[in-house]
Amino acid sequence: MTEEKGKRLDRAPDENIRDRRRPKGVDVLKEIGDRVIIQLGGQTIVQSNDGPRMNRGAKDVYYEDLPQGRTRETVERGNGVQIVTIRNRYGDVIRRSRITPDGREYVLSYVDEQDYQDEGDWRDPGDDLPPMRLTIPRRDYILNSEDVESPDDYYTFLDQPPVERVQRLYSIDEVKRSARVRDIARRVDLDTLNFEFGSSSISDTEVQKLQGVADAMEKLLKKNPAETFLIEGHTDAVGTPEANLALSDRRAEAVAEALTNAFGIPPENLTTQGYGEEYLKVNTSAPNRENRRVAIRRITSLVAPVASNN
């Protein structure tokens, strides 16, 4: 991650998400606050900047230009740990590592650039996979937090392997954008966490509801510091699809912030994405609390070499 020669930049590239370079055929539909709604490969996606969450409290952050339009970001923490992220020309994360003061490198995300083409139209990697065939009970595939009897249930559930063999390593952004690839990983629905209508705020009372899943993450990170968890935000079907995408993305980010600030889960082990009203839990166009939710998947085996090999 650090051996390749780079040219130091004076400031962060594409600090403003609106100015990010995008592939041919991508249309920017709308800007909502600090979120941008784009059309990509036939689907509508919300984009945001995770820099503020990743860099908060850092001792130093610097950026370098690499060949082929890539950039390298290095975040130095006060304890000597470095988080090194390489992005392609469009800002997609293709590699991320944590490097400890003794020189040990934990690879959180790595995609072989032979498998990941950033030229031309984006293609859903899930199209290369056969149709999903679930051979286990639904309760072993989706854990509803309202059904949890013991806090240990979160760890027992998240510690299980994916429900099918992982064909190749994917970038974090490929996982975010492909429903078929995401479905390989089991899902925890935090349906006891309440969001007010139109809000992404989490009260202190609601934050405490994250204790069980945070403890499970901490336990998994002790075994493997390179775990990656995807936090998905969702809304009900009230409002415009674009506004709901931005709102759901803020909800996912709010949960990630809470996991870091209240429970000490490192931000680099968390990635977020909003899906708006696309995946309703209850099929209704009316306001619905169950649809205003967040879900968590452990996607390590999809994005990290060691977990994939195991």
Protein backbone atom coordinates (compact mmCIF):
# COMPACT_ATOMS: atom_id res chain seq x y z
CA MET A 1 0.00 0.00 0.00
CA THR A 2 2.82 2.43 0.76
CA GLU A 3 5.65 1.23 -1.52
CA GLU A 4 4.33 2.73 -4.75
CA LYS A 5 5.77 6.17 -5.41
CA GLY A 6 3.26 9.00 -5.21
CA LYS A 7 3.22 12.77 -5.69
CA ARG A 8 2.07 14.72 -2.63
CA LEU A 9 -1.03 16.87 -3.10
CA ASP A 10 -1.70 20.21 -1.40
CA ARG A 11 -5.31 19.33 -0.59
CA ALA A 12 -7.80 16.45 -0.74
CA PRO A 13 -8.79 15.47 -4.29
CA ASP A 14 -12.51 15.93 -5.00
CA GLU A 15 -13.12 17.19 -1.48
CA ASN A 16 -16.54 18.24 -2.68
CA ILE A 17 -18.53 15.20 -3.77
CA ARG A 18 -20.25 17.31 -6.44
CA ASP A 19 -16.94 17.82 -8.25
CA ARG A 20 -15.99 14.13 -8.36
CA ARG A 21 -15.00 12.76 -11.74
CA ARG A 22 -17.48 10.12 -12.92
CA PRO A 23 -17.47 7.38 -15.55
CA LYS A 24 -18.96 7.89 -18.99
CA GLY A 25 -22.71 7.35 -19.00
CA VAL A 26 -23.24 8.42 -15.39
CA ASP A 27 -25.87 11.12 -14.97
CA VAL A 28 -26.06 13.40 -11.93
CA LEU A 29 -29.78 13.64 -11.15
CA LYS A 30 -29.83 15.83 -8.06
CA GLU A 31 -27.80 17.34 -5.26
CA ILE A 32 -29.38 17.15 -1.80
CA GLY A 33 -27.24 18.84 0.82
CA ASP A 34 -23.90 17.02 0.90
CA ARG A 35 -25.30 14.04 -1.04
CA VAL A 36 -25.36 13.53 -4.81
CA ILE A 37 -27.92 11.30 -6.53
CA ILE A 38 -26.60 9.62 -9.68
CA GLN A 39 -27.90 7.23 -12.32
CA LEU A 40 -25.47 4.33 -12.79
CA GLY A 41 -26.01 1.15 -14.81
CA GLY A 42 -29.78 1.51 -14.75
CA GLN A 43 -30.02 2.14 -11.00
CA THR A 44 -30.24 5.29 -8.91
CA ILE A 45 -27.53 5.61 -6.25
CA VAL A 46 -26.67 8.13 -3.56
CA GLN A 47 -23.04 9.17 -3.16
CA SER A 48 -21.49 10.82 -0.11
CA ASN A 49 -18.06 11.63 1.28
CA ASP A 50 -16.87 9.42 4.16
CA GLY A 51 -13.77 11.58 4.69
CA PRO A 52 -15.07 13.54 7.70
CA ARG A 53 -16.04 10.31 9.49
CA MET A 54 -12.75 8.56 8.67
CA ASN A 55 -10.50 11.53 9.45
CA ARG A 56 -12.08 12.87 12.63
CA GLY A 57 -9.49 13.26 15.38
CA ALA A 58 -6.59 12.33 13.09
CA LYS A 59 -3.12 13.65 13.84
CA ASP A 60 -2.43 14.16 10.12
CA VAL A 61 -4.11 13.40 6.79
CA TYR A 62 -2.33 13.65 3.46
CA TYR A 63 -2.98 12.68 -0.15
CA GLU A 64 -0.85 11.53 -3.07
CA ASP A 65 -1.39 11.14 -6.80
CA LEU A 66 -0.62 7.64 -8.14
CA PRO A 67 -0.40 6.41 -11.77
CA GLN A 68 -3.60 5.72 -13.77
CA GLY A 69 -5.46 8.54 -12.03
CA ARG A 70 -5.54 6.81 -8.64
CA THR A 71 -5.05 8.59 -5.33
CA ARG A 72 -3.70 7.45 -1.98
CA GLU A 73 -5.00 8.83 1.30
CA THR A 74 -3.03 8.32 4.51
CA VAL A 75 -4.69 9.02 7.85
CA GLU A 76 -2.27 9.12 10.80
CA ARG A 77 -3.78 8.64 14.23
CA GLY A 78 -2.29 9.79 17.54
CA ASN A 79 -1.41 6.20 18.50
CA GLY A 80 0.82 5.81 15.42
CA VAL A 81 -1.68 3.76 13.42
CA GLN A 82 -2.02 4.63 9.73
CA ILE A 83 -5.14 4.01 7.61
CA VAL A 84 -4.11 3.91 3.96
CA THR A 85 -6.79 4.01 1.26
CA ILE A 86 -6.29 3.82 -2.51
CA ARG A 87 -9.12 5.06 -4.72
CA ASN A 88 -9.53 4.82 -8.46
CA ARG A 89 -10.00 7.87 -10.69
CA TYR A 90 -13.70 8.04 -9.73
CA GLY A 91 -13.15 7.97 -5.98
CA ASP A 92 -14.16 4.33 -5.49
CA VAL A 93 -12.23 2.51 -2.75
CA ILE A 94 -10.18 -0.30 -4.31
CA ARG A 95 -7.75 -0.95 -1.43
CA ARG A 96 -7.63 -0.11 2.26
CA SER A 97 -5.18 -1.19 4.97
CA ARG A 98 -4.47 -0.46 8.61
CA ILE A 99 -0.74 -0.26 9.35
CA THR A 100 0.36 -0.47 12.99
CA PRO A 101 3.46 1.28 14.41
CA ASP A 102 5.39 -2.03 14.29
CA GLY A 103 4.84 -2.20 10.52
CA ARG A 104 2.14 -4.91 10.52
CA GLU A 105 -0.43 -4.42 7.76
CA TYR A 106 -4.05 -5.53 8.07
CA VAL A 107 -5.73 -5.60 4.64
CA LEU A 108 -9.32 -4.44 5.09
CA SER A 109 -10.19 -4.28 1.42
CA TYR A 110 -8.35 -5.35 -1.70
CA VAL A 111 -9.59 -5.82 -5.24
CA ASP A 112 -7.44 -7.18 -8.04
CA GLU A 113 -7.46 -4.49 -10.69
CA GLN A 114 -7.68 -7.18 -13.37
CA ASP A 115 -11.16 -7.96 -12.03
CA TYR A 116 -12.10 -4.34 -11.49
CA GLN A 117 -12.33 -2.23 -14.59
CA ASP A 118 -13.04 1.46 -14.05
CA GLU A 119 -13.44 2.29 -17.73
CA GLY A 120 -16.74 2.47 -19.59
CA ASP A 121 -20.19 1.67 -18.23
CA TRP A 122 -20.43 0.10 -14.80
CA ARG A 123 -21.47 -3.54 -14.89
CA ASP A 124 -23.13 -5.29 -11.96
CA PRO A 125 -20.76 -8.11 -10.85
CA GLY A 126 -23.83 -9.94 -9.58
CA ASP A 127 -24.77 -10.60 -13.20
CA ASP A 128 -21.98 -13.19 -13.27
CA LEU A 129 -23.54 -15.16 -10.41
CA PRO A 130 -26.29 -17.77 -10.63
CA PRO A 131 -29.71 -16.95 -9.12
CA MET A 132 -29.76 -16.91 -5.32
CA ARG A 133 -30.82 -20.24 -3.76
CA LEU A 134 -31.21 -20.06 -0.01
CA THR A 135 -30.85 -23.51 1.55
CA ILE A 136 -31.12 -22.45 5.21
CA PRO A 137 -34.09 -21.18 7.26
CA ARG A 138 -34.79 -17.47 6.87
CA ARG A 139 -34.10 -16.84 10.59
CA ASP A 140 -30.51 -18.07 9.98
CA TYR A 141 -30.13 -15.61 7.11
CA ILE A 142 -31.78 -12.46 8.53
CA LEU A 143 -31.64 -11.69 12.24
CA ASN A 144 -34.31 -9.28 13.47
CA SER A 145 -33.11 -7.42 16.55
CA GLU A 146 -36.61 -7.60 18.06
CA ASP A 147 -36.21 -11.42 18.09
CA VAL A 148 -32.86 -11.33 19.90
CA GLU A 149 -33.11 -13.10 23.27
CA SER A 150 -29.51 -12.61 24.42
CA PRO A 151 -26.89 -10.00 23.38
CA ASP A 152 -24.64 -12.95 22.46
CA ASP A 153 -27.06 -13.76 19.63
CA TYR A 154 -25.54 -10.94 17.56
CA TYR A 155 -22.05 -12.41 17.79
CA THR A 156 -23.23 -15.99 17.11
CA PHE A 157 -25.07 -14.75 14.02
CA LEU A 158 -22.39 -12.44 12.61
CA ASP A 159 -19.61 -14.98 13.21
CA GLN A 160 -21.15 -17.35 10.66
CA PRO A 161 -19.74 -17.61 7.12
CA PRO A 162 -21.50 -16.30 3.99
CA VAL A 163 -24.43 -18.35 2.71
CA GLU A 164 -22.64 -19.28 -0.52
CA ARG A 165 -19.10 -19.54 -1.82
CA VAL A 166 -17.47 -16.21 -2.68
CA GLN A 167 -16.41 -16.29 -6.34
CA ARG A 168 -13.91 -13.42 -6.23
CA LEU A 169 -12.96 -10.36 -4.23
CA TYR A 170 -15.11 -7.29 -4.80
CA SER A 171 -14.46 -3.63 -4.13
CA ILE A 172 -16.45 -2.04 -1.33
CA ASP A 173 -18.32 0.03 -3.92
CA GLU A 174 -19.21 -3.07 -5.95
CA VAL A 175 -20.73 -4.63 -2.84
CA LYS A 176 -22.68 -1.44 -2.09
CA ARG A 177 -24.07 -1.28 -5.63
CA SER A 178 -24.88 -4.95 -6.25
CA ALA A 179 -27.89 -6.43 -4.43
CA ARG A 180 -26.95 -9.91 -5.66
CA VAL A 181 -23.42 -9.67 -4.23
CA ARG A 182 -24.68 -8.22 -0.93
CA ASP A 183 -27.11 -11.11 -0.58
CA ILE A 184 -24.17 -13.50 -0.12
CA ALA A 185 -23.71 -12.00 3.36
CA ARG A 186 -26.17 -12.53 6.21
CA ARG A 187 -28.08 -9.50 7.50
CA VAL A 188 -28.95 -8.06 10.89
CA ASP A 189 -32.06 -5.85 10.80
CA LEU A 190 -31.91 -3.31 13.62
CA ASP A 191 -35.69 -2.99 13.72
CA THR A 192 -35.70 -1.94 17.39
CA LEU A 193 -33.81 1.25 16.50
CA ASN A 194 -36.38 4.01 15.94
CA PHE A 195 -36.02 6.94 13.56
CA GLU A 196 -38.60 9.71 13.62
CA PHE A 197 -40.35 10.43 10.33
CA GLY A 198 -37.98 12.36 8.03
CA SER A 199 -35.13 12.28 10.58
CA SER A 200 -31.70 10.66 10.75
CA SER A 201 -31.02 11.66 14.38
CA ILE A 202 -30.42 9.03 17.05
CA SER A 203 -31.21 9.87 20.67
CA ASP A 204 -29.01 8.63 23.53
CA THR A 205 -31.73 6.11 24.40
CA GLU A 206 -31.67 4.72 20.87
CA VAL A 207 -27.85 4.61 20.80
CA GLN A 208 -27.91 2.21 23.75
CA LYS A 209 -29.87 -0.23 21.58
CA LEU A 210 -26.66 -0.66 19.55
CA GLN A 211 -24.80 -2.12 22.54
CA GLY A 212 -25.36 -5.78 21.58
CA VAL A 213 -24.28 -5.44 17.95
CA ALA A 214 -21.34 -3.20 18.98
CA ASP A 215 -20.14 -5.85 21.45
CA ALA A 216 -20.36 -8.47 18.69
CA MET A 217 -18.31 -6.27 16.34
CA GLU A 218 -15.70 -5.67 19.03
CA LYS A 219 -15.40 -9.42 19.67
CA LEU A 220 -15.03 -10.14 15.94
CA LEU A 221 -12.41 -7.38 15.60
CA LYS A 222 -10.35 -8.90 18.40
CA LYS A 223 -10.17 -12.12 16.36
CA ASN A 224 -9.61 -10.30 13.05
CA PRO A 225 -8.84 -6.55 13.07
CA ALA A 226 -9.55 -6.44 9.31
CA GLU A 227 -13.30 -7.04 9.56
CA THR A 228 -15.53 -4.79 7.44
CA PHE A 229 -19.21 -4.15 8.21
CA LEU A 230 -21.66 -2.57 5.77
CA ILE A 231 -24.33 -0.40 7.38
CA GLU A 232 -27.40 -0.02 5.15
CA GLY A 233 -29.91 2.79 5.62
CA HIS A 234 -33.58 2.49 4.60
CA THR A 235 -36.71 4.68 4.61
CA ASP A 236 -40.43 4.22 4.18
CA ALA A 237 -42.09 5.14 0.87
CA VAL A 238 -43.30 8.60 1.86
CA GLY A 239 -41.55 11.39 -0.05
CA THR A 240 -39.59 11.43 -3.30
CA PRO A 241 -37.21 8.54 -4.08
CA GLU A 242 -34.26 10.94 -4.34
CA ALA A 243 -34.95 12.59 -0.96
CA ASN A 244 -35.37 9.14 0.61
CA LEU A 245 -32.01 8.00 -0.78
CA ALA A 246 -30.27 10.98 0.85
CA LEU A 247 -32.18 10.46 4.13
CA SER A 248 -31.38 6.75 4.28
CA ASP A 249 -27.69 7.49 3.63
CA ARG A 250 -27.65 9.93 6.55
CA ARG A 251 -29.28 7.28 8.76
CA ALA A 252 -26.57 4.75 7.90
CA GLU A 253 -23.91 7.37 8.61
CA ALA A 254 -25.55 8.28 11.94
CA VAL A 255 -25.37 4.65 13.08
CA ALA A 256 -21.72 4.39 12.00
CA GLU A 257 -20.93 7.58 13.94
CA ALA A 258 -22.68 6.20 17.02
CA LEU A 259 -20.81 2.89 16.82
CA THR A 260 -17.50 4.77 16.71
CA ASN A 261 -18.24 7.56 19.20
CA ALA A 262 -20.16 5.56 21.80
CA PHE A 263 -18.58 2.11 21.47
CA GLY A 264 -15.14 2.66 19.93
CA ILE A 265 -15.62 0.69 16.70
CA PRO A 266 -12.90 2.04 14.33
CA PRO A 267 -14.45 4.02 11.45
CA GLU A 268 -12.33 2.23 8.84
CA ASN A 269 -14.07 -1.04 9.74
CA LEU A 270 -17.45 0.48 8.87
CA THR A 271 -18.80 1.48 5.48
CA THR A 272 -22.21 2.99 4.82
CA GLN A 273 -24.78 3.19 2.04
CA GLY A 274 -28.38 4.39 1.79
CA TYR A 275 -30.97 2.52 -0.28
CA GLY A 276 -33.98 4.76 0.28
CA GLU A 277 -37.35 3.09 -0.22
CA GLU A 278 -36.07 0.44 -2.64
CA TYR A 279 -36.15 -2.50 -0.19
CA LEU A 280 -39.30 -2.04 1.88
CA LYS A 281 -39.73 -4.52 4.71
CA VAL A 282 -43.46 -3.85 4.85
CA ASN A 283 -45.01 -3.29 1.42
CA THR A 284 -46.89 -0.06 2.02
CA SER A 285 -46.74 3.48 0.68
CA ALA A 286 -47.91 4.84 4.05
CA PRO A 287 -45.57 5.98 6.86
CA ASN A 288 -44.17 2.87 8.50
CA ARG A 289 -41.70 2.58 11.39
CA GLU A 290 -40.43 -0.87 10.33
CA ASN A 291 -39.34 0.53 6.97
CA ARG A 292 -37.39 3.36 8.67
CA ARG A 293 -34.53 1.09 9.65
CA VAL A 294 -30.85 0.25 9.42
CA ALA A 295 -29.33 -3.15 8.59
CA ILE A 296 -25.79 -4.48 9.10
CA ARG A 297 -23.86 -7.08 7.12
CA ARG A 298 -20.40 -8.45 7.80
CA ILE A 299 -18.89 -8.24 4.30
CA THR A 300 -15.28 -9.13 5.16
CA SER A 301 -15.21 -12.30 3.06
CA LEU A 302 -16.39 -10.30 0.02
CA VAL A 303 -13.68 -7.63 0.20
CA ALA A 304 -10.68 -8.94 2.18
CA PRO A 305 -8.19 -11.58 0.88
CA VAL A 306 -7.58 -13.50 4.13
CA ALA A 307 -11.27 -13.88 4.93
CA SER A 308 -12.04 -14.85 1.34
CA ASN A 309 -9.42 -17.60 1.38
CA ASN A 310 -10.86 -18.93 4.62
